[in-house]
Amino acid sequence: LRISHRSRNHLALMGGDGSYVLNG
């Protein structure tokens, strides 16, 4: 898996249980 972007926005990742892994 690879995800990338360039901006002031932030990637957020949510697990299968509905809780955020990062940036939530």
PDB file of all heavy atoms in Angstrom:
ATOM      1  N   LEU A   1       0.835  -1.200   0.000  1.00  0.00           N
ATOM      2  CA  LEU A   1       0.000   0.000   0.000  1.00  0.00           C
ATOM      3  C   LEU A   1       0.869   1.249   0.000  1.00  0.00           C
ATOM      4  O   LEU A   1       1.835   1.345   0.768  1.00  0.00           O
ATOM      5  CB  LEU A   1      -0.910  -0.025   1.224  1.00  0.00           C
ATOM      6  CG  LEU A   1      -1.755   1.212   1.508  1.00  0.00           C
ATOM      7  CD1 LEU A   1      -2.830   1.371   0.453  1.00  0.00           C
ATOM      8  CD2 LEU A   1      -2.384   1.105   2.898  1.00  0.00           C
ATOM      9  N   ARG A   2       0.530   2.205  -0.860  1.00  0.00           N
ATOM     10  CA  ARG A   2       1.222   3.495  -0.885  1.00  0.00           C
ATOM     11  C   ARG A   2       0.206   4.584  -1.196  1.00  0.00           C
ATOM     12  O   ARG A   2      -0.551   4.491  -2.167  1.00  0.00           O
ATOM     13  CB  ARG A   2       2.341   3.518  -1.918  1.00  0.00           C
ATOM     14  CG  ARG A   2       3.025   4.876  -2.010  1.00  0.00           C
ATOM     15  CD  ARG A   2       4.213   4.888  -2.952  1.00  0.00           C
ATOM     16  NE  ARG A   2       4.716   6.232  -3.146  1.00  0.00           N
ATOM     17  CZ  ARG A   2       5.496   6.891  -2.308  1.00  0.00           C
ATOM     18  NH1 ARG A   2       5.893   6.296  -1.197  1.00  0.00           N
ATOM     19  NH2 ARG A   2       5.899   8.118  -2.544  1.00  0.00           N
ATOM     20  N   ILE A   3       0.204   5.628  -0.348  1.00  0.00           N
ATOM     21  CA  ILE A   3      -0.700   6.767  -0.498  1.00  0.00           C
ATOM     22  C   ILE A   3       0.130   8.030  -0.344  1.00  0.00           C
ATOM     23  O   ILE A   3       0.974   8.117   0.569  1.00  0.00           O
ATOM     24  CB  ILE A   3      -1.822   6.745   0.564  1.00  0.00           C
ATOM     25  CG1 ILE A   3      -2.536   5.389   0.563  1.00  0.00           C
ATOM     26  CG2 ILE A   3      -2.812   7.869   0.343  1.00  0.00           C
ATOM     27  CD1 ILE A   3      -3.269   5.089   1.840  1.00  0.00           C
ATOM     28  N   SER A   4      -0.088   9.010  -1.206  1.00  0.00           N
ATOM     29  CA  SER A   4       0.702  10.242  -1.117  1.00  0.00           C
ATOM     30  C   SER A   4      -0.094  11.426  -1.661  1.00  0.00           C
ATOM     31  O   SER A   4      -0.977  11.262  -2.514  1.00  0.00           O
ATOM     32  CB  SER A   4       2.026  10.102  -1.893  1.00  0.00           C
ATOM     33  OG  SER A   4       1.793   9.941  -3.269  1.00  0.00           O
ATOM     34  N   HIS A   5       0.238  12.593  -1.160  1.00  0.00           N
ATOM     35  CA  HIS A   5      -0.312  13.850  -1.679  1.00  0.00           C
ATOM     36  C   HIS A   5       0.603  14.971  -1.197  1.00  0.00           C
ATOM     37  O   HIS A   5       1.486  14.774  -0.349  1.00  0.00           O
ATOM     38  CB  HIS A   5      -1.750  14.071  -1.191  1.00  0.00           C
ATOM     39  CG  HIS A   5      -1.842  14.501   0.240  1.00  0.00           C
ATOM     40  ND1 HIS A   5      -2.191  15.777   0.635  1.00  0.00           N
ATOM     41  CD2 HIS A   5      -1.584  13.817   1.389  1.00  0.00           C
ATOM     42  CE1 HIS A   5      -2.167  15.856   1.958  1.00  0.00           C
ATOM     43  NE2 HIS A   5      -1.810  14.680   2.442  1.00  0.00           N
ATOM     44  N   ARG A   6       0.403  16.158  -1.749  1.00  0.00           N
ATOM     45  CA  ARG A   6       1.191  17.324  -1.357  1.00  0.00           C
ATOM     46  C   ARG A   6       0.241  18.510  -1.180  1.00  0.00           C
ATOM     47  O   ARG A   6      -0.209  19.119  -2.164  1.00  0.00           O
ATOM     48  CB  ARG A   6       2.253  17.633  -2.418  1.00  0.00           C
ATOM     49  CG  ARG A   6       3.224  18.741  -2.018  1.00  0.00           C
ATOM     50  CD  ARG A   6       4.204  19.046  -3.151  1.00  0.00           C
ATOM     51  NE  ARG A   6       5.068  17.911  -3.419  1.00  0.00           N
ATOM     52  CZ  ARG A   6       6.222  17.682  -2.774  1.00  0.00           C
ATOM     53  NH1 ARG A   6       6.628  18.536  -1.839  1.00  0.00           N
ATOM     54  NH2 ARG A   6       6.958  16.647  -3.073  1.00  0.00           N
ATOM     55  N   SER A   7      -0.092  18.806   0.049  1.00  0.00           N
ATOM     56  CA  SER A   7      -0.982  19.926   0.359  1.00  0.00           C
ATOM     57  C   SER A   7      -0.996  20.130   1.864  1.00  0.00           C
ATOM     58  O   SER A   7      -0.323  19.419   2.613  1.00  0.00           O
ATOM     59  CB  SER A   7      -2.405  19.641  -0.151  1.00  0.00           C
ATOM     60  OG  SER A   7      -3.009  18.619   0.613  1.00  0.00           O
ATOM     61  N   ARG A   8      -1.784  21.097   2.304  1.00  0.00           N
ATOM     62  CA  ARG A   8      -1.950  21.331   3.736  1.00  0.00           C
ATOM     63  C   ARG A   8      -2.997  20.399   4.347  1.00  0.00           C
ATOM     64  O   ARG A   8      -3.232  20.436   5.550  1.00  0.00           O
ATOM     65  CB  ARG A   8      -2.341  22.790   3.987  1.00  0.00           C
ATOM     66  CG  ARG A   8      -1.249  23.795   3.657  1.00  0.00           C
ATOM     67  CD  ARG A   8      -1.712  25.245   3.893  1.00  0.00           C
ATOM     68  NE  ARG A   8      -2.173  25.457   5.259  1.00  0.00           N
ATOM     69  CZ  ARG A   8      -3.445  25.645   5.601  1.00  0.00           C
ATOM     70  NH1 ARG A   8      -4.396  25.613   4.670  1.00  0.00           N
ATOM     71  NH2 ARG A   8      -3.778  25.854   6.861  1.00  0.00           N
ATOM     72  N   ASN A   9      -3.630  19.592   3.520  1.00  0.00           N
ATOM     73  CA  ASN A   9      -4.582  18.603   4.027  1.00  0.00           C
ATOM     74  C   ASN A   9      -3.833  17.450   4.704  1.00  0.00           C
ATOM     75  O   ASN A   9      -2.621  17.319   4.551  1.00  0.00           O
ATOM     76  CB  ASN A   9      -5.444  18.073   2.878  1.00  0.00           C
ATOM     77  CG  ASN A   9      -6.172  19.189   2.153  1.00  0.00           C
ATOM     78  OD1 ASN A   9      -6.626  20.152   2.779  1.00  0.00           O
ATOM     79  ND2 ASN A   9      -6.284  19.072   0.835  1.00  0.00           N
ATOM     80  N   HIS A  10      -4.570  16.616   5.414  1.00  0.00           N
ATOM     81  CA  HIS A  10      -3.948  15.506   6.139  1.00  0.00           C
ATOM     82  C   HIS A  10      -4.704  14.214   5.868  1.00  0.00           C
ATOM     83  O   HIS A  10      -5.937  14.188   5.887  1.00  0.00           O
ATOM     84  CB  HIS A  10      -3.925  15.783   7.649  1.00  0.00           C
ATOM     85  CG  HIS A  10      -3.055  16.928   8.032  1.00  0.00           C
ATOM     86  ND1 HIS A  10      -1.678  16.867   8.046  1.00  0.00           N
ATOM     87  CD2 HIS A  10      -3.379  18.201   8.408  1.00  0.00           C
ATOM     88  CE1 HIS A  10      -1.177  18.030   8.415  1.00  0.00           C
ATOM     89  NE2 HIS A  10      -2.191  18.859   8.653  1.00  0.00           N
ATOM     90  N   LEU A  11      -3.940  13.158   5.625  1.00  0.00           N
ATOM     91  CA  LEU A  11      -4.523  11.831   5.466  1.00  0.00           C
ATOM     92  C   LEU A  11      -4.958  11.298   6.823  1.00  0.00           C
ATOM     93  O   LEU A  11      -4.272  11.485   7.830  1.00  0.00           O
ATOM     94  CB  LEU A  11      -3.507  10.871   4.842  1.00  0.00           C
ATOM     95  CG  LEU A  11      -2.971  11.252   3.461  1.00  0.00           C
ATOM     96  CD1 LEU A  11      -1.847  10.303   3.064  1.00  0.00           C
ATOM     97  CD2 LEU A  11      -4.082  11.223   2.421  1.00  0.00           C
ATOM     98  N   ALA A  12      -6.078  10.620   6.854  1.00  0.00           N
ATOM     99  CA  ALA A  12      -6.589  10.009   8.085  1.00  0.00           C
ATOM    100  C   ALA A  12      -6.905   8.547   7.788  1.00  0.00           C
ATOM    101  O   ALA A  12      -7.425   8.220   6.718  1.00  0.00           O
ATOM    102  CB  ALA A  12      -7.815  10.740   8.599  1.00  0.00           C
ATOM    103  N   LEU A  13      -6.594   7.685   8.725  1.00  0.00           N
ATOM    104  CA  LEU A  13      -6.801   6.257   8.544  1.00  0.00           C
ATOM    105  C   LEU A  13      -7.660   5.723   9.683  1.00  0.00           C
ATOM    106  O   LEU A  13      -7.342   5.945  10.856  1.00  0.00           O
ATOM    107  CB  LEU A  13      -5.451   5.530   8.511  1.00  0.00           C
ATOM    108  CG  LEU A  13      -5.465   4.067   8.064  1.00  0.00           C
ATOM    109  CD1 LEU A  13      -5.962   3.956   6.635  1.00  0.00           C
ATOM    110  CD2 LEU A  13      -4.068   3.469   8.188  1.00  0.00           C
ATOM    111  N   MET A  14      -8.725   5.031   9.309  1.00  0.00           N
ATOM    112  CA  MET A  14      -9.656   4.479  10.289  1.00  0.00           C
ATOM    113  C   MET A  14      -9.626   2.957  10.208  1.00  0.00           C
ATOM    114  O   MET A  14      -9.659   2.376   9.120  1.00  0.00           O
ATOM    115  CB  MET A  14     -11.074   4.991  10.027  1.00  0.00           C
ATOM    116  CG  MET A  14     -12.124   4.463  11.006  1.00  0.00           C
ATOM    117  SD  MET A  14     -13.805   5.033  10.601  1.00  0.00           S
ATOM    118  CE  MET A  14     -13.645   6.781  10.981  1.00  0.00           C
ATOM    119  N   GLY A  15      -9.544   2.298  11.365  1.00  0.00           N
ATOM    120  CA  GLY A  15      -9.531   0.847  11.404  1.00  0.00           C
ATOM    121  C   GLY A  15     -10.906   0.251  11.207  1.00  0.00           C
ATOM    122  O   GLY A  15     -11.920   0.964  11.128  1.00  0.00           O
ATOM    123  N   GLY A  16     -10.943  -1.085  11.129  1.00  0.00           N
ATOM    124  CA  GLY A  16     -12.209  -1.767  10.902  1.00  0.00           C
ATOM    125  C   GLY A  16     -13.195  -1.614  12.033  1.00  0.00           C
ATOM    126  O   GLY A  16     -14.401  -1.792  11.837  1.00  0.00           O
ATOM    127  N   ASP A  17     -12.725  -1.276  13.244  1.00  0.00           N
ATOM    128  CA  ASP A  17     -13.626  -1.118  14.388  1.00  0.00           C
ATOM    129  C   ASP A  17     -14.185   0.291  14.513  1.00  0.00           C
ATOM    130  O   ASP A  17     -14.890   0.612  15.471  1.00  0.00           O
ATOM    131  CB  ASP A  17     -12.905  -1.497  15.683  1.00  0.00           C
ATOM    132  CG  ASP A  17     -11.647  -0.663  15.914  1.00  0.00           C
ATOM    133  OD1 ASP A  17     -11.297   0.162  15.034  1.00  0.00           O
ATOM    134  OD2 ASP A  17     -11.004  -0.848  16.965  1.00  0.00           O
ATOM    135  N   GLY A  18     -13.839   1.166  13.543  1.00  0.00           N
ATOM    136  CA  GLY A  18     -14.352   2.527  13.562  1.00  0.00           C
ATOM    137  C   GLY A  18     -13.505   3.519  14.307  1.00  0.00           C
ATOM    138  O   GLY A  18     -13.828   4.714  14.324  1.00  0.00           O
ATOM    139  N   SER A  19     -12.414   3.077  14.918  1.00  0.00           N
ATOM    140  CA  SER A  19     -11.533   4.012  15.627  1.00  0.00           C
ATOM    141  C   SER A  19     -10.399   4.435  14.709  1.00  0.00           C
ATOM    142  O   SER A  19      -9.937   3.666  13.854  1.00  0.00           O
ATOM    143  CB  SER A  19     -10.972   3.351  16.890  1.00  0.00           C
ATOM    144  OG  SER A  19     -10.222   2.199  16.552  1.00  0.00           O
ATOM    145  N   TYR A  20      -9.930   5.662  14.897  1.00  0.00           N
ATOM    146  CA  TYR A  20      -8.887   6.210  14.044  1.00  0.00           C
ATOM    147  C   TYR A  20      -7.513   5.653  14.440  1.00  0.00           C
ATOM    148  O   TYR A  20      -7.182   5.540  15.627  1.00  0.00           O
ATOM    149  CB  TYR A  20      -8.859   7.729  14.129  1.00  0.00           C
ATOM    150  CG  TYR A  20      -9.909   8.400  13.266  1.00  0.00           C
ATOM    151  CD1 TYR A  20     -11.099   8.852  13.818  1.00  0.00           C
ATOM    152  CD2 TYR A  20      -9.702   8.571  11.904  1.00  0.00           C
ATOM    153  CE1 TYR A  20     -12.066   9.462  13.037  1.00  0.00           C
ATOM    154  CE2 TYR A  20     -10.655   9.181  11.105  1.00  0.00           C
ATOM    155  CZ  TYR A  20     -11.842   9.624  11.674  1.00  0.00           C
ATOM    156  OH  TYR A  20     -12.789  10.230  10.886  1.00  0.00           O
ATOM    157  N   VAL A  21      -6.725   5.343  13.426  1.00  0.00           N
ATOM    158  CA  VAL A  21      -5.348   4.934  13.639  1.00  0.00           C
ATOM    159  C   VAL A  21      -4.452   6.159  13.728  1.00  0.00           C
ATOM    160  O   VAL A  21      -3.545   6.224  14.555  1.00  0.00           O
ATOM    161  CB  VAL A  21      -4.880   3.992  12.507  1.00  0.00           C
ATOM    162  CG1 VAL A  21      -3.420   3.594  12.687  1.00  0.00           C
ATOM    163  CG2 VAL A  21      -5.773   2.766  12.436  1.00  0.00           C
ATOM    164  N   LEU A  22      -4.708   7.137  12.884  1.00  0.00           N
ATOM    165  CA  LEU A  22      -3.929   8.385  12.918  1.00  0.00           C
ATOM    166  C   LEU A  22      -4.757   9.519  12.332  1.00  0.00           C
ATOM    167  O   LEU A  22      -5.641   9.310  11.502  1.00  0.00           O
ATOM    168  CB  LEU A  22      -2.593   8.231  12.179  1.00  0.00           C
ATOM    169  CG  LEU A  22      -2.580   7.746  10.726  1.00  0.00           C
ATOM    170  CD1 LEU A  22      -2.709   8.887   9.737  1.00  0.00           C
ATOM    171  CD2 LEU A  22      -1.278   7.009  10.441  1.00  0.00           C
ATOM    172  N   ASN A  23      -4.446  10.715  12.792  1.00  0.00           N
ATOM    173  CA  ASN A  23      -5.043  11.977  12.327  1.00  0.00           C
ATOM    174  C   ASN A  23      -6.565  11.994  12.438  1.00  0.00           C
ATOM    175  O   ASN A  23      -7.257  12.573  11.586  1.00  0.00           O
ATOM    176  CB  ASN A  23      -4.622  12.284  10.886  1.00  0.00           C
ATOM    177  CG  ASN A  23      -3.147  12.585  10.766  1.00  0.00           C
ATOM    178  OD1 ASN A  23      -2.479  12.862  11.761  1.00  0.00           O
ATOM    179  ND2 ASN A  23      -2.625  12.540   9.555  1.00  0.00           N
ATOM    180  N   GLY A  24      -7.092  11.368  13.480  1.00  0.00           N
ATOM    181  CA  GLY A  24      -8.531  11.378  13.686  1.00  0.00           C
ATOM    182  C   GLY A  24      -8.962  12.383  14.728  1.00  0.00           C
ATOM    183  O   GLY A  24      -8.152  12.903  15.505  1.00  0.00           O
TER     184      GLY A  24
END
